[in-house]
Amino acid sequence: MAGGRKAADSSRVSIPAGTEEISALSDAELGSQLSSLEREERQLSKRRTTLHNRIDFVRGGGYASSDPTHEQLTTLEAAEQDVSERRHELHRQIDLLRAESSRRHLRT
């Protein structure tokens, strides 16, 4: 969505989709990808919290700028939905990587 996504989205970490590809990662690659995804998730969580605060403020009759038409509630809600969807996907990817990491540690 235009305006709802930040330029930082282009730096998203990409991990292999299937468990076979994840299991092919070295321990270092697995740890690095997990750290990167967790960092991105924390950033998205902060963004989502900010959006929730702004949505609550606008719903309460306030405006996030001096121009009431600058930031409509629907725009904020759409941005929050985008962030939430990406955050859910990150959680899925993080869970897969953590499961692989746990599996490897159980073998040792």
PDB file of N, CA and C in Angstrom:
ATOM      1  N   MET A   1       0.826  -1.165   0.000  1.00  0.00           N
ATOM      2  CA  MET A   1       0.000   0.000   0.000  1.00  0.00           C
ATOM      3  C   MET A   1       0.876   1.236   0.000  1.00  0.00           C
ATOM      4  N   ALA A   2       0.609   2.158  -0.863  1.00  0.00           N
ATOM      5  CA  ALA A   2       1.394   3.380  -0.932  1.00  0.00           C
ATOM      6  C   ALA A   2       1.185   4.189   0.329  1.00  0.00           C
ATOM      7  N   GLY A   3       2.271   4.697   0.867  1.00  0.00           N
ATOM      8  CA  GLY A   3       2.178   5.502   2.076  1.00  0.00           C
ATOM      9  C   GLY A   3       2.174   4.673   3.342  1.00  0.00           C
ATOM     10  N   GLY A   4       1.713   3.430   3.276  1.00  0.00           N
ATOM     11  CA  GLY A   4       1.647   2.586   4.458  1.00  0.00           C
ATOM     12  C   GLY A   4       2.919   1.812   4.713  1.00  0.00           C
ATOM     13  N   ARG A   5       3.684   1.601   3.679  1.00  0.00           N
ATOM     14  CA  ARG A   5       4.921   0.845   3.819  1.00  0.00           C
ATOM     15  C   ARG A   5       6.104   1.789   3.836  1.00  0.00           C
ATOM     16  N   LYS A   6       7.104   1.424   4.579  1.00  0.00           N
ATOM     17  CA  LYS A   6       8.321   2.220   4.640  1.00  0.00           C
ATOM     18  C   LYS A   6       9.332   1.677   3.645  1.00  0.00           C
ATOM     19  N   ALA A   7      10.288   2.501   3.310  1.00  0.00           N
ATOM     20  CA  ALA A   7      11.346   2.087   2.394  1.00  0.00           C
ATOM     21  C   ALA A   7      12.128   0.909   2.940  1.00  0.00           C
ATOM     22  N   ALA A   8      12.143   0.721   4.251  1.00  0.00           N
ATOM     23  CA  ALA A   8      12.888  -0.374   4.870  1.00  0.00           C
ATOM     24  C   ALA A   8      12.355  -1.740   4.470  1.00  0.00           C
ATOM     25  N   ASP A   9      11.126  -1.791   3.911  1.00  0.00           N
ATOM     26  CA  ASP A   9      10.557  -3.059   3.495  1.00  0.00           C
ATOM     27  C   ASP A   9      11.439  -3.767   2.473  1.00  0.00           C
ATOM     28  N   SER A  10      12.194  -2.997   1.681  1.00  0.00           N
ATOM     29  CA  SER A  10      13.034  -3.618   0.663  1.00  0.00           C
ATOM     30  C   SER A  10      14.204  -4.377   1.280  1.00  0.00           C
ATOM     31  N   SER A  11      14.480  -4.149   2.560  1.00  0.00           N
ATOM     32  CA  SER A  11      15.583  -4.841   3.210  1.00  0.00           C
ATOM     33  C   SER A  11      15.123  -6.074   3.977  1.00  0.00           C
ATOM     34  N   ARG A  12      13.911  -6.481   3.748  1.00  0.00           N
ATOM     35  CA  ARG A  12      13.387  -7.654   4.437  1.00  0.00           C
ATOM     36  C   ARG A  12      14.289  -8.860   4.233  1.00  0.00           C
ATOM     37  N   VAL A  13      14.355  -9.647   5.258  1.00  0.00           N
ATOM     38  CA  VAL A  13      15.138 -10.866   5.206  1.00  0.00           C
ATOM     39  C   VAL A  13      14.299 -11.934   4.511  1.00  0.00           C
ATOM     40  N   SER A  14      14.924 -12.660   3.632  1.00  0.00           N
ATOM     41  CA  SER A  14      14.224 -13.721   2.926  1.00  0.00           C
ATOM     42  C   SER A  14      14.812 -15.059   3.355  1.00  0.00           C
ATOM     43  N   ILE A  15      13.937 -15.957   3.770  1.00  0.00           N
ATOM     44  CA  ILE A  15      14.414 -17.284   4.146  1.00  0.00           C
ATOM     45  C   ILE A  15      13.807 -18.315   3.212  1.00  0.00           C
ATOM     46  N   PRO A  16      14.439 -19.445   3.088  1.00  0.00           N
ATOM     47  CA  PRO A  16      13.868 -20.515   2.265  1.00  0.00           C
ATOM     48  C   PRO A  16      12.488 -20.902   2.784  1.00  0.00           C
ATOM     49  N   ALA A  17      11.593 -21.222   1.875  1.00  0.00           N
ATOM     50  CA  ALA A  17      10.203 -21.491   2.232  1.00  0.00           C
ATOM     51  C   ALA A  17       9.987 -22.854   2.871  1.00  0.00           C
ATOM     52  N   GLY A  18      10.657 -23.874   2.388  1.00  0.00           N
ATOM     53  CA  GLY A  18      10.401 -25.222   2.864  1.00  0.00           C
ATOM     54  C   GLY A  18      11.364 -25.684   3.931  1.00  0.00           C
ATOM     55  N   THR A  19      10.950 -26.693   4.673  1.00  0.00           N
ATOM     56  CA  THR A  19      11.798 -27.205   5.746  1.00  0.00           C
ATOM     57  C   THR A  19      13.075 -27.839   5.195  1.00  0.00           C
ATOM     58  N   GLU A  20      13.025 -28.373   3.964  1.00  0.00           N
ATOM     59  CA  GLU A  20      14.232 -28.947   3.373  1.00  0.00           C
ATOM     60  C   GLU A  20      15.280 -27.862   3.159  1.00  0.00           C
ATOM     61  N   GLU A  21      14.844 -26.687   2.666  1.00  0.00           N
ATOM     62  CA  GLU A  21      15.771 -25.591   2.436  1.00  0.00           C
ATOM     63  C   GLU A  21      16.314 -25.058   3.755  1.00  0.00           C
ATOM     64  N   ILE A  22      15.469 -24.989   4.773  1.00  0.00           N
ATOM     65  CA  ILE A  22      15.908 -24.506   6.082  1.00  0.00           C
ATOM     66  C   ILE A  22      16.931 -25.462   6.675  1.00  0.00           C
ATOM     67  N   SER A  23      16.691 -26.754   6.532  1.00  0.00           N
ATOM     68  CA  SER A  23      17.626 -27.725   7.100  1.00  0.00           C
ATOM     69  C   SER A  23      18.962 -27.703   6.372  1.00  0.00           C
ATOM     70  N   ALA A  24      19.004 -27.147   5.159  1.00  0.00           N
ATOM     71  CA  ALA A  24      20.255 -27.057   4.405  1.00  0.00           C
ATOM     72  C   ALA A  24      21.106 -25.869   4.847  1.00  0.00           C
ATOM     73  N   LEU A  25      20.556 -24.970   5.646  1.00  0.00           N
ATOM     74  CA  LEU A  25      21.312 -23.819   6.133  1.00  0.00           C
ATOM     75  C   LEU A  25      22.363 -24.277   7.144  1.00  0.00           C
ATOM     76  N   SER A  26      23.500 -23.615   7.120  1.00  0.00           N
ATOM     77  CA  SER A  26      24.502 -23.890   8.155  1.00  0.00           C
ATOM     78  C   SER A  26      23.990 -23.320   9.474  1.00  0.00           C
ATOM     79  N   ASP A  27      24.611 -23.731  10.570  1.00  0.00           N
ATOM     80  CA  ASP A  27      24.216 -23.189  11.876  1.00  0.00           C
ATOM     81  C   ASP A  27      24.377 -21.673  11.910  1.00  0.00           C
ATOM     82  N   ALA A  28      25.461 -21.186  11.316  1.00  0.00           N
ATOM     83  CA  ALA A  28      25.714 -19.738  11.288  1.00  0.00           C
ATOM     84  C   ALA A  28      24.648 -19.016  10.464  1.00  0.00           C
ATOM     85  N   GLU A  29      24.303 -19.580   9.312  1.00  0.00           N
ATOM     86  CA  GLU A  29      23.260 -18.968   8.472  1.00  0.00           C
ATOM     87  C   GLU A  29      21.913 -18.986   9.184  1.00  0.00           C
ATOM     88  N   LEU A  30      21.613 -20.084   9.840  1.00  0.00           N
ATOM     89  CA  LEU A  30      20.363 -20.199  10.577  1.00  0.00           C
ATOM     90  C   LEU A  30      20.292 -19.134  11.669  1.00  0.00           C
ATOM     91  N   GLY A  31      21.360 -19.013  12.447  1.00  0.00           N
ATOM     92  CA  GLY A  31      21.400 -18.023  13.515  1.00  0.00           C
ATOM     93  C   GLY A  31      21.307 -16.604  12.986  1.00  0.00           C
ATOM     94  N   SER A  32      21.987 -16.346  11.892  1.00  0.00           N
ATOM     95  CA  SER A  32      21.977 -15.009  11.299  1.00  0.00           C
ATOM     96  C   SER A  32      20.587 -14.648  10.790  1.00  0.00           C
ATOM     97  N   GLN A  33      19.948 -15.572  10.102  1.00  0.00           N
ATOM     98  CA  GLN A  33      18.609 -15.302   9.582  1.00  0.00           C
ATOM     99  C   GLN A  33      17.610 -15.136  10.720  1.00  0.00           C
ATOM    100  N   LEU A  34      17.736 -15.952  11.735  1.00  0.00           N
ATOM    101  CA  LEU A  34      16.840 -15.849  12.887  1.00  0.00           C
ATOM    102  C   LEU A  34      16.996 -14.483  13.556  1.00  0.00           C
ATOM    103  N   SER A  35      18.230 -14.057  13.762  1.00  0.00           N
ATOM    104  CA  SER A  35      18.484 -12.745  14.371  1.00  0.00           C
ATOM    105  C   SER A  35      17.914 -11.615  13.525  1.00  0.00           C
ATOM    106  N   SER A  36      18.094 -11.705  12.223  1.00  0.00           N
ATOM    107  CA  SER A  36      17.582 -10.667  11.324  1.00  0.00           C
ATOM    108  C   SER A  36      16.063 -10.601  11.346  1.00  0.00           C
ATOM    109  N   LEU A  37      15.425 -11.765  11.330  1.00  0.00           N
ATOM    110  CA  LEU A  37      13.960 -11.798  11.367  1.00  0.00           C
ATOM    111  C   LEU A  37      13.428 -11.278  12.696  1.00  0.00           C
ATOM    112  N   GLU A  38      14.089 -11.633  13.786  1.00  0.00           N
ATOM    113  CA  GLU A  38      13.661 -11.151  15.103  1.00  0.00           C
ATOM    114  C   GLU A  38      13.824  -9.632  15.200  1.00  0.00           C
ATOM    115  N   ARG A  39      14.892  -9.103  14.620  1.00  0.00           N
ATOM    116  CA  ARG A  39      15.115  -7.650  14.608  1.00  0.00           C
ATOM    117  C   ARG A  39      14.010  -6.953  13.797  1.00  0.00           C
ATOM    118  N   GLU A  40      13.701  -7.513  12.636  1.00  0.00           N
ATOM    119  CA  GLU A  40      12.628  -6.938  11.814  1.00  0.00           C
ATOM    120  C   GLU A  40      11.285  -7.011  12.544  1.00  0.00           C
ATOM    121  N   GLU A  41      11.051  -8.106  13.253  1.00  0.00           N
ATOM    122  CA  GLU A  41       9.783  -8.255  13.991  1.00  0.00           C
ATOM    123  C   GLU A  41       9.675  -7.196  15.085  1.00  0.00           C
ATOM    124  N   ARG A  42      10.768  -6.938  15.783  1.00  0.00           N
ATOM    125  CA  ARG A  42      10.751  -5.890  16.822  1.00  0.00           C
ATOM    126  C   ARG A  42      10.446  -4.522  16.218  1.00  0.00           C
ATOM    127  N   GLN A  43      11.031  -4.232  15.055  1.00  0.00           N
ATOM    128  CA  GLN A  43      10.773  -2.961  14.388  1.00  0.00           C
ATOM    129  C   GLN A  43       9.302  -2.856  13.975  1.00  0.00           C
ATOM    130  N   LEU A  44       8.771  -3.942  13.438  1.00  0.00           N
ATOM    131  CA  LEU A  44       7.362  -3.940  13.039  1.00  0.00           C
ATOM    132  C   LEU A  44       6.450  -3.807  14.246  1.00  0.00           C
ATOM    133  N   SER A  45       6.809  -4.431  15.347  1.00  0.00           N
ATOM    134  CA  SER A  45       6.003  -4.322  16.561  1.00  0.00           C
ATOM    135  C   SER A  45       5.948  -2.878  17.043  1.00  0.00           C
ATOM    136  N   LYS A  46       7.096  -2.183  16.987  1.00  0.00           N
ATOM    137  CA  LYS A  46       7.120  -0.771  17.370  1.00  0.00           C
ATOM    138  C   LYS A  46       6.246   0.056  16.436  1.00  0.00           C
ATOM    139  N   ARG A  47       6.356  -0.206  15.141  1.00  0.00           N
ATOM    140  CA  ARG A  47       5.539   0.516  14.143  1.00  0.00           C
ATOM    141  C   ARG A  47       4.057   0.256  14.390  1.00  0.00           C
ATOM    142  N   ARG A  48       3.709  -0.989  14.681  1.00  0.00           N
ATOM    143  CA  ARG A  48       2.314  -1.355  14.930  1.00  0.00           C
ATOM    144  C   ARG A  48       1.787  -0.651  16.178  1.00  0.00           C
ATOM    145  N   THR A  49       2.581  -0.593  17.224  1.00  0.00           N
ATOM    146  CA  THR A  49       2.184   0.106  18.449  1.00  0.00           C
ATOM    147  C   THR A  49       1.947   1.588  18.161  1.00  0.00           C
ATOM    148  N   THR A  50       2.851   2.192  17.395  1.00  0.00           N
ATOM    149  CA  THR A  50       2.688   3.598  17.019  1.00  0.00           C
ATOM    150  C   THR A  50       1.392   3.798  16.236  1.00  0.00           C
ATOM    151  N   LEU A  51       1.138   2.919  15.295  1.00  0.00           N
ATOM    152  CA  LEU A  51      -0.106   3.016  14.515  1.00  0.00           C
ATOM    153  C   LEU A  51      -1.327   2.867  15.409  1.00  0.00           C
ATOM    154  N   HIS A  52      -1.294   1.914  16.345  1.00  0.00           N
ATOM    155  CA  HIS A  52      -2.426   1.735  17.270  1.00  0.00           C
ATOM    156  C   HIS A  52      -2.664   2.999  18.081  1.00  0.00           C
ATOM    157  N   ASN A  53      -1.590   3.611  18.556  1.00  0.00           N
ATOM    158  CA  ASN A  53      -1.723   4.852  19.326  1.00  0.00           C
ATOM    159  C   ASN A  53      -2.320   5.965  18.473  1.00  0.00           C
ATOM    160  N   ARG A  54      -1.866   6.084  17.241  1.00  0.00           N
ATOM    161  CA  ARG A  54      -2.392   7.118  16.347  1.00  0.00           C
ATOM    162  C   ARG A  54      -3.852   6.850  16.002  1.00  0.00           C
ATOM    163  N   ILE A  55      -4.203   5.588  15.767  1.00  0.00           N
ATOM    164  CA  ILE A  55      -5.595   5.229  15.472  1.00  0.00           C
ATOM    165  C   ILE A  55      -6.486   5.595  16.654  1.00  0.00           C
ATOM    166  N   ASP A  56      -6.062   5.237  17.852  1.00  0.00           N
ATOM    167  CA  ASP A  56      -6.837   5.571  19.053  1.00  0.00           C
ATOM    168  C   ASP A  56      -7.014   7.083  19.196  1.00  0.00           C
ATOM    169  N   PHE A  57      -5.945   7.828  18.926  1.00  0.00           N
ATOM    170  CA  PHE A  57      -5.996   9.286  19.025  1.00  0.00           C
ATOM    171  C   PHE A  57      -6.992   9.867  18.022  1.00  0.00           C
ATOM    172  N   VAL A  58      -6.924   9.404  16.771  1.00  0.00           N
ATOM    173  CA  VAL A  58      -7.839   9.904  15.737  1.00  0.00           C
ATOM    174  C   VAL A  58      -9.274   9.500  16.054  1.00  0.00           C
ATOM    175  N   ARG A  59      -9.474   8.272  16.502  1.00  0.00           N
ATOM    176  CA  ARG A  59     -10.826   7.832  16.881  1.00  0.00           C
ATOM    177  C   ARG A  59     -11.388   8.678  18.028  1.00  0.00           C
ATOM    178  N   GLY A  60     -10.506   9.160  18.888  1.00  0.00           N
ATOM    179  CA  GLY A  60     -10.928   9.989  20.009  1.00  0.00           C
ATOM    180  C   GLY A  60     -11.212  11.432  19.616  1.00  0.00           C
ATOM    181  N   GLY A  61     -11.088  11.729  18.336  1.00  0.00           N
ATOM    182  CA  GLY A  61     -11.395  13.070  17.864  1.00  0.00           C
ATOM    183  C   GLY A  61     -10.182  13.936  17.615  1.00  0.00           C
ATOM    184  N   GLY A  62      -9.006  13.401  17.824  1.00  0.00           N
ATOM    185  CA  GLY A  62      -7.790  14.173  17.593  1.00  0.00           C
ATOM    186  C   GLY A  62      -7.262  13.946  16.193  1.00  0.00           C
ATOM    187  N   TYR A  63      -6.253  14.683  15.866  1.00  0.00           N
ATOM    188  CA  TYR A  63      -5.608  14.553  14.570  1.00  0.00           C
ATOM    189  C   TYR A  63      -4.105  14.453  14.782  1.00  0.00           C
ATOM    190  N   ALA A  64      -3.460  13.677  13.945  1.00  0.00           N
ATOM    191  CA  ALA A  64      -2.026  13.482  14.093  1.00  0.00           C
ATOM    192  C   ALA A  64      -1.228  14.612  13.453  1.00  0.00           C
ATOM    193  N   SER A  65      -1.905  15.532  12.798  1.00  0.00           N
ATOM    194  CA  SER A  65      -1.233  16.698  12.227  1.00  0.00           C
ATOM    195  C   SER A  65      -2.184  17.880  12.341  1.00  0.00           C
ATOM    196  N   SER A  66      -1.725  19.047  11.965  1.00  0.00           N
ATOM    197  CA  SER A  66      -2.588  20.226  12.034  1.00  0.00           C
ATOM    198  C   SER A  66      -3.657  20.208  10.948  1.00  0.00           C
ATOM    199  N   ASP A  67      -3.498  19.360   9.967  1.00  0.00           N
ATOM    200  CA  ASP A  67      -4.472  19.236   8.878  1.00  0.00           C
ATOM    201  C   ASP A  67      -5.292  17.968   9.096  1.00  0.00           C
ATOM    202  N   PRO A  68      -6.573  18.093   9.479  1.00  0.00           N
ATOM    203  CA  PRO A  68      -7.375  16.908   9.776  1.00  0.00           C
ATOM    204  C   PRO A  68      -7.553  15.955   8.596  1.00  0.00           C
ATOM    205  N   THR A  69      -7.382  16.439   7.387  1.00  0.00           N
ATOM    206  CA  THR A  69      -7.528  15.546   6.229  1.00  0.00           C
ATOM    207  C   THR A  69      -6.227  14.825   5.902  1.00  0.00           C
ATOM    208  N   HIS A  70      -5.138  15.218   6.566  1.00  0.00           N
ATOM    209  CA  HIS A  70      -3.822  14.642   6.278  1.00  0.00           C
ATOM    210  C   HIS A  70      -3.750  13.161   6.609  1.00  0.00           C
ATOM    211  N   GLU A  71      -4.363  12.757   7.679  1.00  0.00           N
ATOM    212  CA  GLU A  71      -4.229  11.381   8.126  1.00  0.00           C
ATOM    213  C   GLU A  71      -5.598  10.817   8.471  1.00  0.00           C
ATOM    214  N   GLN A  72      -6.223  10.219   7.506  1.00  0.00           N
ATOM    215  CA  GLN A  72      -7.544   9.657   7.714  1.00  0.00           C
ATOM    216  C   GLN A  72      -7.446   8.319   8.431  1.00  0.00           C
ATOM    217  N   LEU A  73      -8.474   8.041   9.175  1.00  0.00           N
ATOM    218  CA  LEU A  73      -8.533   6.804   9.944  1.00  0.00           C
ATOM    219  C   LEU A  73      -8.372   5.583   9.047  1.00  0.00           C
ATOM    220  N   THR A  74      -9.012   5.586   7.896  1.00  0.00           N
ATOM    221  CA  THR A  74      -8.923   4.419   7.004  1.00  0.00           C
ATOM    222  C   THR A  74      -7.490   4.179   6.532  1.00  0.00           C
ATOM    223  N   THR A  75      -6.741   5.250   6.328  1.00  0.00           N
ATOM    224  CA  THR A  75      -5.339   5.114   5.914  1.00  0.00           C
ATOM    225  C   THR A  75      -4.517   4.484   7.026  1.00  0.00           C
ATOM    226  N   LEU A  76      -4.733   4.948   8.244  1.00  0.00           N
ATOM    227  CA  LEU A  76      -4.023   4.381   9.395  1.00  0.00           C
ATOM    228  C   LEU A  76      -4.379   2.915   9.594  1.00  0.00           C
ATOM    229  N   GLU A  77      -5.662   2.591   9.478  1.00  0.00           N
ATOM    230  CA  GLU A  77      -6.103   1.208   9.672  1.00  0.00           C
ATOM    231  C   GLU A  77      -5.541   0.294   8.589  1.00  0.00           C
ATOM    232  N   ALA A  78      -5.472   0.783   7.359  1.00  0.00           N
ATOM    233  CA  ALA A  78      -4.899  -0.021   6.279  1.00  0.00           C
ATOM    234  C   ALA A  78      -3.405  -0.255   6.512  1.00  0.00           C
ATOM    235  N   ALA A  79      -2.706   0.769   6.970  1.00  0.00           N
ATOM    236  CA  ALA A  79      -1.279   0.619   7.274  1.00  0.00           C
ATOM    237  C   ALA A  79      -1.082  -0.383   8.406  1.00  0.00           C
ATOM    238  N   GLU A  80      -1.932  -0.317   9.431  1.00  0.00           N
ATOM    239  CA  GLU A  80      -1.840  -1.259  10.553  1.00  0.00           C
ATOM    240  C   GLU A  80      -2.093  -2.685  10.078  1.00  0.00           C
ATOM    241  N   GLN A  81      -3.042  -2.858   9.179  1.00  0.00           N
ATOM    242  CA  GLN A  81      -3.347  -4.193   8.635  1.00  0.00           C
ATOM    243  C   GLN A  81      -2.143  -4.743   7.876  1.00  0.00           C
ATOM    244  N   ASP A  82      -1.513  -3.896   7.067  1.00  0.00           N
ATOM    245  CA  ASP A  82      -0.314  -4.324   6.327  1.00  0.00           C
ATOM    246  C   ASP A  82       0.800  -4.753   7.277  1.00  0.00           C
ATOM    247  N   VAL A  83       1.038  -3.945   8.292  1.00  0.00           N
ATOM    248  CA  VAL A  83       2.094  -4.251   9.268  1.00  0.00           C
ATOM    249  C   VAL A  83       1.763  -5.545  10.002  1.00  0.00           C
ATOM    250  N   SER A  84       0.503  -5.718  10.391  1.00  0.00           N
ATOM    251  CA  SER A  84       0.092  -6.925  11.111  1.00  0.00           C
ATOM    252  C   SER A  84       0.271  -8.176  10.257  1.00  0.00           C
ATOM    253  N   GLU A  85      -0.079  -8.093   8.978  1.00  0.00           N
ATOM    254  CA  GLU A  85       0.073  -9.244   8.087  1.00  0.00           C
ATOM    255  C   GLU A  85       1.542  -9.615   7.939  1.00  0.00           C
ATOM    256  N   ARG A  86       2.401  -8.620   7.763  1.00  0.00           N
ATOM    257  CA  ARG A  86       3.836  -8.903   7.635  1.00  0.00           C
ATOM    258  C   ARG A  86       4.381  -9.492   8.936  1.00  0.00           C
ATOM    259  N   ARG A  87       3.903  -8.967  10.058  1.00  0.00           N
ATOM    260  CA  ARG A  87       4.345  -9.458  11.369  1.00  0.00           C
ATOM    261  C   ARG A  87       3.942 -10.920  11.574  1.00  0.00           C
ATOM    262  N   HIS A  88       2.732 -11.270  11.160  1.00  0.00           N
ATOM    263  CA  HIS A  88       2.290 -12.672  11.256  1.00  0.00           C
ATOM    264  C   HIS A  88       3.168 -13.576  10.401  1.00  0.00           C
ATOM    265  N   GLU A  89       3.519 -13.120   9.204  1.00  0.00           N
ATOM    266  CA  GLU A  89       4.390 -13.908   8.341  1.00  0.00           C
ATOM    267  C   GLU A  89       5.774 -14.067   8.973  1.00  0.00           C
ATOM    268  N   LEU A  90       6.283 -13.001   9.562  1.00  0.00           N
ATOM    269  CA  LEU A  90       7.571 -13.092  10.249  1.00  0.00           C
ATOM    270  C   LEU A  90       7.515 -14.096  11.392  1.00  0.00           C
ATOM    271  N   HIS A  91       6.432 -14.081  12.141  1.00  0.00           N
ATOM    272  CA  HIS A  91       6.282 -15.034  13.249  1.00  0.00           C
ATOM    273  C   HIS A  91       6.317 -16.467  12.724  1.00  0.00           C
ATOM    274  N   ARG A  92       5.679 -16.719  11.592  1.00  0.00           N
ATOM    275  CA  ARG A  92       5.684 -18.053  10.999  1.00  0.00           C
ATOM    276  C   ARG A  92       7.111 -18.455  10.630  1.00  0.00           C
ATOM    277  N   GLN A  93       7.838 -17.539  10.003  1.00  0.00           N
ATOM    278  CA  GLN A  93       9.209 -17.828   9.596  1.00  0.00           C
ATOM    279  C   GLN A  93      10.123 -18.015  10.807  1.00  0.00           C
ATOM    280  N   ILE A  94       9.947 -17.182  11.808  1.00  0.00           N
ATOM    281  CA  ILE A  94      10.751 -17.301  13.035  1.00  0.00           C
ATOM    282  C   ILE A  94      10.480 -18.641  13.707  1.00  0.00           C
ATOM    283  N   ASP A  95       9.229 -19.042  13.765  1.00  0.00           N
ATOM    284  CA  ASP A  95       8.883 -20.333  14.370  1.00  0.00           C
ATOM    285  C   ASP A  95       9.546 -21.486  13.635  1.00  0.00           C
ATOM    286  N   LEU A  96       9.566 -21.421  12.292  1.00  0.00           N
ATOM    287  CA  LEU A  96      10.218 -22.477  11.512  1.00  0.00           C
ATOM    288  C   LEU A  96      11.718 -22.542  11.819  1.00  0.00           C
ATOM    289  N   LEU A  97      12.355 -21.384  11.876  1.00  0.00           N
ATOM    290  CA  LEU A  97      13.794 -21.357  12.160  1.00  0.00           C
ATOM    291  C   LEU A  97      14.086 -21.813  13.583  1.00  0.00           C
ATOM    292  N   ARG A  98      13.262 -21.403  14.525  1.00  0.00           N
ATOM    293  CA  ARG A  98      13.465 -21.844  15.916  1.00  0.00           C
ATOM    294  C   ARG A  98      13.275 -23.346  16.048  1.00  0.00           C
ATOM    295  N   ALA A  99      12.292 -23.880  15.336  1.00  0.00           N
ATOM    296  CA  ALA A  99      12.055 -25.327  15.375  1.00  0.00           C
ATOM    297  C   ALA A  99      13.268 -26.074  14.821  1.00  0.00           C
ATOM    298  N   GLU A 100      13.832 -25.568  13.735  1.00  0.00           N
ATOM    299  CA  GLU A 100      15.021 -26.199  13.155  1.00  0.00           C
ATOM    300  C   GLU A 100      16.195 -26.106  14.126  1.00  0.00           C
ATOM    301  N   SER A 101      16.367 -24.962  14.748  1.00  0.00           N
ATOM    302  CA  SER A 101      17.444 -24.781  15.715  1.00  0.00           C
ATOM    303  C   SER A 101      17.280 -25.754  16.895  1.00  0.00           C
ATOM    304  N   SER A 102      16.079 -25.883  17.390  1.00  0.00           N
ATOM    305  CA  SER A 102      15.808 -26.824  18.491  1.00  0.00           C
ATOM    306  C   SER A 102      16.086 -28.255  18.074  1.00  0.00           C
ATOM    307  N   ARG A 103      15.661 -28.596  16.861  1.00  0.00           N
ATOM    308  CA  ARG A 103      15.885 -29.954  16.355  1.00  0.00           C
ATOM    309  C   ARG A 103      17.375 -30.257  16.316  1.00  0.00           C
ATOM    310  N   ARG A 104      18.163 -29.289  15.859  1.00  0.00           N
ATOM    311  CA  ARG A 104      19.619 -29.488  15.775  1.00  0.00           C
ATOM    312  C   ARG A 104      20.227 -29.637  17.170  1.00  0.00           C
ATOM    313  N   HIS A 105      19.776 -28.875  18.116  1.00  0.00           N
ATOM    314  CA  HIS A 105      20.341 -28.946  19.470  1.00  0.00           C
ATOM    315  C   HIS A 105      19.950 -30.236  20.172  1.00  0.00           C
ATOM    316  N   LEU A 106      18.821 -30.802  19.820  1.00  0.00           N
ATOM    317  CA  LEU A 106      18.396 -32.070  20.413  1.00  0.00           C
ATOM    318  C   LEU A 106      19.243 -33.235  19.895  1.00  0.00           C
ATOM    319  N   ARG A 107      19.759 -33.085  18.685  1.00  0.00           N
ATOM    320  CA  ARG A 107      20.585 -34.140  18.091  1.00  0.00           C
ATOM    321  C   ARG A 107      21.963 -34.201  18.732  1.00  0.00           C
ATOM    322  N   THR A 108      22.414 -33.103  19.284  1.00  0.00           N
ATOM    323  CA  THR A 108      23.802 -33.072  19.793  1.00  0.00           C
ATOM    324  C   THR A 108      23.910 -33.619  21.190  1.00  0.00           C
TER     325      THR A 108
END
